[in-house]
Amino acid sequence: MSKRPTPKKRKAKSAGRRQHSVFLAKEVRRLRNKMNSPYGPPAEPKNQADKALQNITKIKA
């Protein structure tokens, strides 16, 4: 017969909350750094209609 596995300790409720608060602190720092960065804001959308018109090579009558 194989040995029984060792019983694991229960994770404290405070440990999960602490883990979440550490994650939130890192996330806030990351977003704040991204916001203050010159490369942070999202790119402006390209005008897809003008791009489509440039690709037309033949016009069917």
Protein backbone atom coordinates (compact mmCIF):
# COMPACT_ATOMS: atom_id res chain seq x y z
CA MET A 1 0.00 0.00 0.00
CA SER A 2 1.17 3.49 -0.78
CA LYS A 3 1.63 6.17 1.83
CA ARG A 4 -1.13 8.64 2.52
CA PRO A 5 -0.37 12.20 1.35
CA THR A 6 0.43 14.76 4.02
CA PRO A 7 -2.55 16.95 4.90
CA LYS A 8 -2.24 20.46 3.53
CA LYS A 9 -2.77 23.55 5.65
CA ARG A 10 -5.77 25.71 4.86
CA LYS A 11 -4.97 29.04 3.27
CA ALA A 12 -6.04 31.90 5.54
CA LYS A 13 -8.73 34.25 4.29
CA SER A 14 -6.42 37.19 4.96
CA ALA A 15 -3.77 35.63 2.68
CA GLY A 16 -6.13 35.79 -0.31
CA ARG A 17 -7.08 39.36 0.47
CA ARG A 18 -3.41 40.32 0.85
CA GLN A 19 -2.59 38.65 -2.45
CA HIS A 20 -5.41 40.56 -4.15
CA SER A 21 -4.35 43.90 -2.64
CA VAL A 22 -0.76 43.34 -3.82
CA PHE A 23 -2.09 42.57 -7.31
CA LEU A 24 -4.23 45.73 -7.28
CA ALA A 25 -1.30 47.88 -6.15
CA LYS A 26 0.85 46.54 -9.00
CA GLU A 27 -2.00 47.03 -11.49
CA VAL A 28 -2.57 50.64 -10.39
CA ARG A 29 1.17 51.34 -10.70
CA ARG A 30 1.29 49.72 -14.14
CA LEU A 31 -1.71 51.69 -15.43
CA ARG A 32 -0.44 54.96 -13.97
CA ASN A 33 2.97 54.42 -15.60
CA LYS A 34 1.28 53.62 -18.91
CA MET A 35 -0.94 56.69 -18.65
CA ASN A 36 2.06 58.98 -18.05
CA SER A 37 4.13 57.40 -20.82
CA PRO A 38 4.24 59.13 -24.23
CA TYR A 39 3.61 55.73 -25.84
CA GLY A 40 0.70 54.90 -23.52
CA PRO A 41 -2.43 56.25 -25.23
CA PRO A 42 -4.14 53.98 -27.76
CA ALA A 43 -3.41 54.57 -31.44
CA GLU A 44 -5.86 56.64 -33.43
CA PRO A 45 -8.09 54.50 -35.66
CA LYS A 46 -7.12 54.45 -39.33
CA ASN A 47 -9.68 55.58 -41.87
CA GLN A 48 -10.63 52.21 -43.39
CA ALA A 49 -12.84 53.75 -46.10
CA ASP A 50 -9.98 55.75 -47.66
CA LYS A 51 -7.74 52.71 -47.46
CA ALA A 52 -10.34 50.57 -49.27
CA LEU A 53 -10.65 53.16 -52.06
CA GLN A 54 -6.88 53.07 -52.65
CA ASN A 55 -6.99 49.29 -53.14
CA ILE A 56 -9.59 49.45 -55.95
CA THR A 57 -7.86 48.85 -59.26
CA LYS A 58 -10.79 47.99 -61.57
CA ILE A 59 -14.29 49.40 -61.76
CA LYS A 60 -16.89 47.12 -63.34
CA ALA A 61 -19.44 48.94 -65.49
